[in-house]
N, C-alpha and C. Protein backbone atom coordinates (compact mmCIF):
# COMPACT_ATOMS: atom_id res chain seq x y z
N MET A 1 0.51 -5.55 -9.59
CA MET A 1 0.31 -6.30 -11.20
C MET A 1 0.72 -7.78 -10.62
N SER A 2 -0.03 -8.41 -11.77
CA SER A 2 0.17 -9.69 -11.69
C SER A 2 1.30 -10.19 -12.37
N SER A 3 2.02 -11.10 -12.12
CA SER A 3 3.18 -11.82 -12.65
C SER A 3 2.86 -12.58 -13.88
N ALA A 4 3.59 -12.32 -15.01
CA ALA A 4 3.27 -13.08 -16.16
C ALA A 4 4.68 -14.13 -16.36
N SER A 5 4.25 -15.41 -17.19
CA SER A 5 4.78 -16.62 -16.72
C SER A 5 5.73 -16.29 -17.73
N LEU A 6 6.95 -17.03 -17.84
CA LEU A 6 8.46 -16.97 -18.74
C LEU A 6 8.73 -18.01 -19.33
N GLU A 7 9.15 -18.48 -20.29
CA GLU A 7 9.80 -19.85 -20.48
C GLU A 7 11.25 -19.62 -20.10
N ASN A 8 11.66 -19.90 -18.85
CA ASN A 8 12.68 -19.48 -18.63
C ASN A 8 13.45 -20.81 -17.37
N PRO A 9 14.52 -21.37 -17.33
CA PRO A 9 14.70 -22.32 -16.43
C PRO A 9 15.04 -21.87 -14.82
N TYR A 10 15.21 -20.71 -14.93
CA TYR A 10 15.72 -19.87 -13.55
C TYR A 10 14.56 -19.70 -12.42
N GLN A 11 15.18 -19.96 -11.37
CA GLN A 11 14.23 -19.81 -10.17
C GLN A 11 14.50 -18.12 -9.72
N ARG A 12 13.38 -17.88 -10.26
CA ARG A 12 13.24 -16.16 -9.87
C ARG A 12 11.77 -15.84 -9.65
N PRO A 13 11.60 -14.82 -9.66
CA PRO A 13 10.09 -14.21 -9.38
C PRO A 13 9.06 -14.54 -10.33
N CYS A 14 9.62 -14.87 -11.37
CA CYS A 14 8.48 -15.26 -12.84
C CYS A 14 8.25 -16.54 -12.54
N PRO A 15 7.08 -16.86 -12.61
CA PRO A 15 6.92 -18.82 -12.59
C PRO A 15 7.43 -19.11 -14.31
N ILE A 16 7.46 -20.42 -14.31
CA ILE A 16 7.86 -20.83 -15.68
C ILE A 16 6.58 -20.95 -16.32
N SER A 17 6.61 -20.90 -17.63
CA SER A 17 5.41 -21.23 -18.52
C SER A 17 5.54 -22.42 -19.36
N ASN A 18 4.63 -22.89 -19.83
CA ASN A 18 4.61 -23.99 -20.77
C ASN A 18 5.46 -23.68 -22.07
N GLN A 19 6.59 -24.48 -22.30
CA GLN A 19 7.34 -24.22 -23.23
C GLN A 19 6.98 -24.11 -24.66
N ASP A 20 5.95 -24.79 -24.86
CA ASP A 20 5.09 -24.78 -26.31
C ASP A 20 4.67 -23.55 -26.60
N SER A 21 4.12 -22.89 -25.73
CA SER A 21 3.34 -21.65 -25.85
C SER A 21 4.14 -20.24 -25.95
N ALA A 22 3.67 -19.37 -26.60
CA ALA A 22 4.43 -18.00 -26.60
C ALA A 22 4.12 -17.15 -25.24
N ASP A 23 4.92 -16.75 -24.74
CA ASP A 23 4.59 -15.86 -23.45
C ASP A 23 4.72 -14.04 -23.60
N ILE A 24 4.64 -13.53 -22.88
CA ILE A 24 4.87 -12.03 -22.78
C ILE A 24 5.99 -11.61 -23.57
N VAL A 25 7.16 -12.00 -23.24
CA VAL A 25 8.54 -11.39 -23.91
C VAL A 25 8.40 -11.91 -25.65
N ASP A 26 7.74 -12.70 -25.92
CA ASP A 26 7.64 -13.29 -27.40
C ASP A 26 6.52 -12.54 -28.06
N GLU A 27 5.67 -12.12 -27.32
CA GLU A 27 4.69 -11.06 -27.98
C GLU A 27 5.14 -9.91 -27.82
N ALA A 28 5.69 -9.36 -27.13
CA ALA A 28 6.20 -8.04 -27.08
C ALA A 28 7.41 -8.03 -27.90
N ILE A 29 8.37 -8.88 -28.56
CA ILE A 29 9.24 -8.74 -29.54
C ILE A 29 8.38 -8.88 -30.89
N THR A 30 7.63 -9.79 -30.75
CA THR A 30 6.65 -9.88 -32.27
C THR A 30 6.07 -8.47 -32.65
N PHE A 31 5.41 -8.13 -31.63
CA PHE A 31 4.63 -6.76 -32.08
C PHE A 31 5.33 -5.54 -31.67
N PHE A 32 6.61 -5.57 -31.32
CA PHE A 32 7.15 -4.43 -31.18
C PHE A 32 6.91 -3.41 -32.49
N ARG A 33 7.35 -3.82 -33.59
CA ARG A 33 7.43 -3.04 -34.53
C ARG A 33 6.28 -2.50 -35.08
N ALA A 34 5.24 -3.05 -34.80
CA ALA A 34 3.66 -2.67 -34.91
C ALA A 34 3.39 -1.43 -33.67
N ASN A 35 3.80 -1.74 -32.50
CA ASN A 35 3.37 -1.22 -30.99
C ASN A 35 4.08 0.20 -30.92
N VAL A 36 5.32 0.30 -31.50
CA VAL A 36 6.28 1.24 -31.52
C VAL A 36 5.60 2.66 -32.25
N PHE A 37 4.89 2.16 -33.16
CA PHE A 37 4.05 3.52 -33.77
C PHE A 37 2.76 4.25 -33.02
N PHE A 38 2.37 3.35 -31.90
CA PHE A 38 1.16 3.83 -31.08
C PHE A 38 1.76 5.21 -30.42
N ARG A 39 0.85 6.11 -30.37
CA ARG A 39 1.10 7.23 -29.11
C ARG A 39 0.31 6.86 -27.84
N ASN A 40 -0.89 6.22 -27.96
CA ASN A 40 -1.42 5.66 -26.39
C ASN A 40 -1.91 4.45 -26.86
N PHE A 41 -2.41 4.06 -25.67
CA PHE A 41 -2.91 2.62 -25.48
C PHE A 41 -4.10 2.28 -24.63
N ASP A 42 -5.16 1.66 -25.07
CA ASP A 42 -5.95 1.25 -24.43
C ASP A 42 -5.79 0.10 -23.23
N ILE A 43 -5.50 0.57 -22.16
CA ILE A 43 -5.26 -0.59 -21.10
C ILE A 43 -6.55 -1.18 -20.38
N LYS A 44 -6.21 -2.41 -20.64
CA LYS A 44 -7.45 -3.34 -20.22
C LYS A 44 -7.20 -4.18 -18.91
N SER A 45 -5.85 -4.48 -18.75
CA SER A 45 -5.40 -5.24 -17.74
C SER A 45 -3.93 -5.31 -17.46
N SER A 46 -3.51 -5.97 -16.47
CA SER A 46 -2.18 -5.71 -16.50
C SER A 46 -0.93 -6.17 -17.33
N ALA A 47 -1.57 -7.09 -18.33
CA ALA A 47 -0.56 -7.67 -19.04
C ALA A 47 -0.40 -6.60 -20.04
N ASP A 48 -1.49 -5.81 -20.45
CA ASP A 48 -1.31 -4.63 -21.18
C ASP A 48 -0.17 -3.41 -20.80
N LYS A 49 -0.07 -3.46 -19.31
CA LYS A 49 0.96 -2.43 -18.93
C LYS A 49 2.22 -2.84 -19.02
N LEU A 50 2.25 -4.49 -19.00
CA LEU A 50 3.76 -5.09 -19.06
C LEU A 50 4.19 -4.95 -20.55
N LEU A 51 3.13 -5.02 -21.24
CA LEU A 51 3.44 -5.00 -22.82
C LEU A 51 4.09 -3.68 -22.89
N ILE A 52 3.36 -2.63 -22.38
CA ILE A 52 3.74 -1.29 -22.84
C ILE A 52 5.28 -1.28 -21.97
N TYR A 53 5.66 -1.77 -21.07
CA TYR A 53 6.74 -1.35 -20.51
C TYR A 53 7.68 -2.03 -21.12
N LEU A 54 7.70 -3.45 -21.46
CA LEU A 54 8.45 -4.27 -22.50
C LEU A 54 8.67 -3.16 -23.92
N THR A 55 7.82 -2.84 -24.22
CA THR A 55 8.00 -2.20 -25.66
C THR A 55 9.08 -0.98 -25.66
N PHE A 56 8.66 -0.40 -24.45
CA PHE A 56 9.79 0.81 -24.01
C PHE A 56 11.24 0.05 -23.73
N TYR A 57 11.29 -0.81 -22.97
CA TYR A 57 12.50 -1.37 -22.90
C TYR A 57 13.52 -2.16 -23.76
N ILE A 58 12.68 -2.42 -25.04
CA ILE A 58 13.14 -2.76 -26.36
C ILE A 58 13.73 -1.86 -27.27
N ASN A 59 12.70 -0.56 -27.04
CA ASN A 59 13.45 0.61 -27.74
C ASN A 59 14.51 0.92 -27.07
N VAL A 60 14.60 0.86 -25.93
CA VAL A 60 15.98 1.56 -24.96
C VAL A 60 17.00 0.63 -25.56
N ALA A 61 16.59 -1.05 -25.40
CA ALA A 61 17.86 -1.79 -25.85
C ALA A 61 18.35 -1.57 -27.39
N LEU A 62 17.16 -1.30 -28.08
CA LEU A 62 17.62 -1.26 -29.53
C LEU A 62 18.32 -0.13 -29.58
N LYS A 63 18.03 1.06 -28.97
CA LYS A 63 19.08 2.20 -28.92
C LYS A 63 20.48 1.84 -28.70
N ARG A 64 20.80 1.31 -27.66
CA ARG A 64 22.08 0.58 -27.06
C ARG A 64 22.60 -0.09 -28.02
N LEU A 65 22.12 -0.97 -29.04
CA LEU A 65 22.54 -1.73 -30.12
C LEU A 65 22.57 -1.14 -31.34
N GLU A 66 22.28 0.16 -31.15
CA GLU A 66 22.64 1.10 -32.59
C GLU A 66 23.90 1.15 -32.94
N GLY A 67 24.71 1.34 -31.93
CA GLY A 67 26.03 1.38 -32.47
C GLY A 67 27.19 0.23 -32.72
N CYS A 68 26.72 -0.74 -32.27
CA CYS A 68 27.15 -2.03 -32.17
C CYS A 68 27.15 -2.81 -33.58
N ARG A 69 28.50 -3.15 -33.87
CA ARG A 69 28.52 -3.77 -35.41
C ARG A 69 28.64 -5.32 -35.16
N THR A 70 28.61 -6.00 -34.32
CA THR A 70 28.99 -7.23 -34.37
C THR A 70 28.16 -7.77 -33.13
N LEU A 71 27.70 -9.07 -33.08
CA LEU A 71 26.94 -9.63 -31.83
C LEU A 71 27.79 -9.58 -30.92
N ALA A 72 28.80 -9.62 -30.50
CA ALA A 72 29.48 -9.63 -29.57
C ALA A 72 29.40 -8.27 -28.65
N GLY A 73 29.48 -7.27 -29.67
CA GLY A 73 29.57 -5.83 -29.36
C GLY A 73 28.18 -5.75 -28.81
N GLY A 74 27.17 -6.42 -29.26
CA GLY A 74 25.55 -6.06 -28.90
C GLY A 74 25.64 -6.55 -27.70
N THR A 75 26.17 -7.78 -27.59
CA THR A 75 26.03 -8.68 -26.18
C THR A 75 26.33 -7.99 -24.93
N LYS A 76 27.48 -7.28 -25.44
CA LYS A 76 28.19 -6.67 -24.09
C LYS A 76 27.31 -5.07 -23.97
N ALA A 77 26.95 -4.71 -24.95
CA ALA A 77 25.96 -3.40 -24.70
C ALA A 77 24.88 -3.90 -23.80
N ILE A 78 24.04 -4.96 -24.27
CA ILE A 78 23.25 -5.47 -23.40
C ILE A 78 23.43 -6.03 -21.83
N ILE A 79 24.26 -6.57 -21.77
CA ILE A 79 24.71 -6.93 -20.38
C ILE A 79 25.15 -5.55 -19.64
N ASN A 80 25.47 -4.52 -20.28
CA ASN A 80 25.95 -3.45 -19.41
C ASN A 80 24.45 -2.81 -19.10
N LEU A 81 23.71 -2.62 -19.90
CA LEU A 81 22.21 -2.19 -19.61
C LEU A 81 21.64 -3.12 -18.60
N GLY A 82 21.81 -4.54 -18.62
CA GLY A 82 21.12 -5.31 -17.37
C GLY A 82 22.00 -4.96 -16.16
N LEU A 83 23.19 -4.56 -16.13
CA LEU A 83 23.65 -4.18 -14.85
C LEU A 83 23.12 -2.68 -14.24
N GLU A 84 22.36 -2.00 -15.05
CA GLU A 84 22.00 -0.84 -14.62
C GLU A 84 20.81 -1.14 -13.42
N ASN A 85 20.67 -0.06 -12.60
CA ASN A 85 19.71 -0.06 -11.56
C ASN A 85 18.05 -0.04 -12.50
N VAL A 86 17.43 -0.82 -11.44
CA VAL A 86 16.19 -1.09 -12.52
C VAL A 86 15.03 -0.20 -11.54
N PRO A 87 14.63 1.06 -12.12
CA PRO A 87 13.75 1.78 -11.07
C PRO A 87 12.23 1.17 -11.10
N ILE A 88 11.69 1.43 -10.05
CA ILE A 88 10.10 0.97 -9.91
C ILE A 88 9.19 2.28 -9.80
N PRO A 89 8.02 2.11 -9.74
CA PRO A 89 6.95 2.99 -9.95
C PRO A 89 7.32 3.88 -8.58
N GLY A 90 7.40 5.30 -8.63
CA GLY A 90 7.72 5.95 -7.00
C GLY A 90 9.25 6.32 -7.20
N GLU A 91 10.06 5.61 -8.06
CA GLU A 91 11.50 6.16 -7.94
C GLU A 91 11.95 7.15 -9.23
N ALA A 92 12.64 7.76 -9.17
CA ALA A 92 13.35 8.48 -10.45
C ALA A 92 13.66 7.71 -11.29
N GLY A 93 13.40 8.15 -12.68
CA GLY A 93 14.00 7.36 -13.66
C GLY A 93 12.69 6.25 -14.07
N PHE A 94 11.80 6.16 -13.56
CA PHE A 94 10.99 5.15 -13.76
C PHE A 94 10.27 5.80 -14.84
N PRO A 95 9.97 5.08 -16.30
CA PRO A 95 9.56 5.90 -17.22
C PRO A 95 8.05 6.06 -17.29
N PHE A 96 7.18 5.48 -16.94
CA PHE A 96 5.75 5.45 -16.96
C PHE A 96 5.01 5.57 -15.35
N ALA A 97 5.14 6.73 -14.68
CA ALA A 97 5.07 6.81 -13.38
C ALA A 97 3.22 6.73 -13.27
N GLY A 98 2.38 7.05 -14.26
CA GLY A 98 1.08 7.25 -14.12
C GLY A 98 0.44 5.85 -14.53
N LEU A 99 1.18 4.78 -15.04
CA LEU A 99 0.98 3.55 -15.76
C LEU A 99 0.48 2.51 -14.43
N PHE A 100 1.70 2.44 -13.41
CA PHE A 100 1.46 1.71 -12.26
C PHE A 100 0.96 2.51 -11.07
N SER A 101 0.23 1.99 -10.11
CA SER A 101 0.10 2.39 -8.86
C SER A 101 1.18 2.58 -7.87
N LEU A 102 1.07 4.09 -7.76
CA LEU A 102 2.33 4.57 -6.84
C LEU A 102 2.31 4.02 -5.39
N PRO A 103 3.26 3.83 -4.75
CA PRO A 103 3.47 3.76 -3.32
C PRO A 103 2.71 4.78 -2.68
N GLN A 104 2.07 4.31 -1.41
CA GLN A 104 1.24 5.30 -0.69
C GLN A 104 2.16 6.30 0.53
N SER A 105 3.58 5.55 0.58
CA SER A 105 4.30 6.12 1.62
C SER A 105 5.46 5.91 1.15
N LYS A 106 6.62 6.82 1.58
CA LYS A 106 8.13 6.39 1.50
C LYS A 106 8.56 5.21 2.13
N LYS A 107 7.75 4.88 3.07
CA LYS A 107 8.30 3.79 3.85
C LYS A 107 7.75 2.20 2.83
N GLU A 108 6.59 2.54 2.04
CA GLU A 108 6.24 1.37 1.50
C GLU A 108 6.89 1.53 0.07
N ALA A 109 7.25 2.51 -0.43
CA ALA A 109 8.22 2.38 -1.51
C ALA A 109 9.29 2.14 -1.33
N VAL A 110 9.92 1.92 -0.23
CA VAL A 110 11.51 1.51 -0.15
C VAL A 110 11.81 0.25 0.82
N CYS A 111 10.93 -0.11 1.58
CA CYS A 111 11.19 -0.79 2.63
C CYS A 111 10.35 -2.07 2.79
N THR A 112 9.59 -2.46 1.65
CA THR A 112 8.55 -3.51 1.63
C THR A 112 9.23 -4.86 0.63
N VAL A 113 8.79 -5.95 1.02
CA VAL A 113 9.51 -7.02 0.34
C VAL A 113 8.88 -7.01 -1.16
N ASP A 114 7.44 -6.37 -1.23
CA ASP A 114 7.05 -6.19 -2.41
C ASP A 114 7.67 -5.35 -3.29
N ALA A 115 8.14 -4.38 -3.04
CA ALA A 115 8.94 -3.55 -3.84
C ALA A 115 10.30 -4.21 -4.40
N GLU A 116 10.75 -5.00 -3.59
CA GLU A 116 12.02 -5.67 -4.15
C GLU A 116 11.63 -6.77 -4.99
N LEU A 117 10.49 -7.56 -4.69
CA LEU A 117 10.15 -8.58 -5.43
C LEU A 117 9.42 -7.95 -6.97
N PHE A 118 9.06 -6.86 -6.93
CA PHE A 118 8.81 -6.11 -7.91
C PHE A 118 9.90 -5.92 -8.79
N ARG A 119 10.91 -5.04 -8.05
CA ARG A 119 12.11 -4.88 -8.74
C ARG A 119 12.81 -5.93 -9.35
N ASN A 120 12.97 -7.28 -8.64
CA ASN A 120 13.56 -8.73 -9.52
C ASN A 120 12.79 -9.17 -10.21
N TYR A 121 11.35 -8.77 -10.55
CA TYR A 121 10.31 -9.26 -11.72
C TYR A 121 10.76 -8.38 -12.70
N LEU A 122 10.85 -7.10 -12.55
CA LEU A 122 11.23 -6.39 -13.68
C LEU A 122 12.57 -6.63 -14.05
N LYS A 123 13.66 -6.84 -13.60
CA LYS A 123 14.95 -7.32 -13.67
C LYS A 123 15.15 -8.34 -14.71
N GLN A 124 14.27 -9.49 -14.02
CA GLN A 124 14.37 -10.53 -14.62
C GLN A 124 13.79 -10.93 -16.10
N ILE A 125 12.77 -9.97 -16.26
CA ILE A 125 11.98 -9.99 -17.36
C ILE A 125 12.81 -8.96 -18.55
N ARG A 126 13.50 -8.12 -17.77
CA ARG A 126 14.24 -7.34 -18.79
C ARG A 126 15.45 -7.92 -19.56
N GLU A 127 16.33 -8.91 -18.61
CA GLU A 127 17.04 -9.91 -18.83
C GLU A 127 16.51 -10.93 -19.97
N GLU A 128 15.46 -11.53 -19.66
CA GLU A 128 14.98 -12.59 -20.66
C GLU A 128 14.66 -11.79 -21.99
N THR A 129 14.24 -10.94 -21.95
CA THR A 129 13.59 -9.79 -23.18
C THR A 129 15.18 -9.54 -23.88
N SER A 130 16.04 -9.28 -23.12
CA SER A 130 17.20 -8.70 -23.79
C SER A 130 18.23 -10.01 -24.49
N GLY A 131 18.05 -10.96 -23.90
CA GLY A 131 18.59 -12.36 -24.33
C GLY A 131 17.83 -12.69 -25.82
N ARG A 132 16.50 -12.52 -25.57
CA ARG A 132 15.68 -13.12 -27.10
C ARG A 132 16.03 -11.82 -28.05
N LEU A 133 15.81 -10.36 -27.84
CA LEU A 133 16.09 -9.57 -28.73
C LEU A 133 17.39 -9.70 -29.42
N LEU A 134 18.55 -10.15 -28.89
CA LEU A 134 19.79 -10.39 -29.46
C LEU A 134 19.60 -11.30 -30.71
N SER A 135 18.74 -12.24 -30.60
CA SER A 135 18.56 -13.48 -31.50
C SER A 135 17.93 -12.88 -32.86
N VAL A 136 17.00 -11.57 -32.60
CA VAL A 136 16.37 -10.89 -33.73
C VAL A 136 16.97 -9.88 -34.08
N ALA A 137 17.85 -9.27 -33.55
CA ALA A 137 18.55 -8.21 -33.80
C ALA A 137 19.69 -8.20 -34.70
N TYR A 138 20.17 -9.52 -34.53
CA TYR A 138 21.44 -9.82 -34.90
C TYR A 138 21.05 -10.98 -36.05
N ARG A 139 21.57 -11.23 -37.26
CA ARG A 139 21.53 -12.26 -38.01
C ARG A 139 22.53 -13.34 -37.22
N PRO A 140 22.21 -14.57 -38.08
CA PRO A 140 23.07 -15.91 -37.56
C PRO A 140 24.58 -15.62 -37.93
N ASN A 141 25.19 -14.74 -38.65
CA ASN A 141 26.28 -14.88 -39.15
C ASN A 141 26.86 -13.68 -38.24
N GLY A 142 26.17 -12.90 -37.13
CA GLY A 142 26.60 -12.03 -36.21
C GLY A 142 26.58 -10.47 -36.93
N THR A 143 25.89 -10.39 -37.95
CA THR A 143 25.83 -9.01 -38.51
C THR A 143 24.50 -8.33 -38.13
N PRO A 144 24.30 -6.84 -37.99
CA PRO A 144 23.10 -6.34 -37.42
C PRO A 144 21.81 -6.72 -38.59
N ASN A 145 20.83 -6.66 -37.91
CA ASN A 145 19.87 -6.62 -38.76
C ASN A 145 19.14 -5.61 -39.17
N LYS A 146 19.43 -4.83 -40.33
CA LYS A 146 18.97 -3.13 -40.16
C LYS A 146 17.43 -2.83 -40.43
N TRP A 147 16.97 -4.02 -40.65
CA TRP A 147 15.17 -4.08 -40.19
C TRP A 147 14.83 -4.01 -38.98
N TRP A 148 15.73 -4.24 -37.93
CA TRP A 148 15.16 -3.91 -36.55
C TRP A 148 16.03 -3.14 -36.00
N LEU A 149 17.46 -2.78 -35.94
CA LEU A 149 18.03 -1.65 -35.71
C LEU A 149 17.38 -0.44 -36.36
N ALA A 150 16.81 -0.20 -37.11
CA ALA A 150 16.13 0.99 -37.66
C ALA A 150 15.09 1.66 -36.66
N PHE A 151 14.47 0.58 -36.10
CA PHE A 151 13.62 1.03 -35.35
C PHE A 151 14.07 1.59 -33.70
N ALA A 152 15.33 1.59 -33.68
CA ALA A 152 16.01 2.36 -32.46
C ALA A 152 15.73 3.94 -32.67
N LYS A 153 15.52 4.60 -33.59
CA LYS A 153 15.32 6.15 -33.97
C LYS A 153 13.90 6.18 -33.70
N ARG A 154 13.02 5.46 -33.48
CA ARG A 154 11.54 5.75 -32.92
C ARG A 154 11.36 6.02 -31.73
N LYS A 155 10.62 7.08 -31.54
CA LYS A 155 10.14 7.69 -29.96
C LYS A 155 8.64 6.59 -29.80
N PHE A 156 8.93 6.14 -28.74
CA PHE A 156 7.51 5.51 -28.40
C PHE A 156 6.72 5.99 -27.14
N MET A 157 5.66 6.23 -27.74
CA MET A 157 4.49 7.17 -26.53
C MET A 157 5.11 8.47 -26.36
N ASN A 158 6.07 8.99 -27.26
CA ASN A 158 6.64 10.58 -26.96
C ASN A 158 7.73 10.37 -25.97
N PHE A 159 8.23 9.26 -25.76
CA PHE A 159 9.34 9.14 -24.91
C PHE A 159 10.55 8.85 -25.72
N ILE A 160 11.57 9.82 -25.31
CA ILE A 160 13.04 9.41 -26.43
C ILE A 160 13.56 8.49 -25.24
N ALA A 161 14.21 7.37 -25.85
CA ALA A 161 14.92 6.41 -25.06
C ALA A 161 16.44 6.93 -24.96
N PRO A 162 16.72 6.80 -23.44
CA PRO A 162 18.05 7.38 -22.95
C PRO A 162 19.34 6.71 -23.68
């Protein structure tokens, strides 16, 4: 999977993108409410795979925000979600096992630098998505935006968010 650039100042696996252009996280959040209704996708590139992964992650994050009535409560829920283990293809808990190529052996899945780099990439992109999602899921006064949180009830590609 190729790495998409992000608008962030951190030295992590994702390269920094041009601040003036929208990145994959902006695209995932912008088109989430339309994409969540799709049952299947025509995958043409690795960017499409990442968009599917981010759409599912936004669905999971909204599910966690569903019961939070304030921005502070939502921030706490998102931080707790960020502290959870990030599964990668080949591990239990990865939602789209057929979407990404599986490791050829157990050694390749657990012991390679690429696996950790991939895990760190997914973790970073989840953190970036979470931070930006809070700004649309809550109004400037800190109250929930019902037009966003209503989508927490939707299944994405027949997956039920945990």
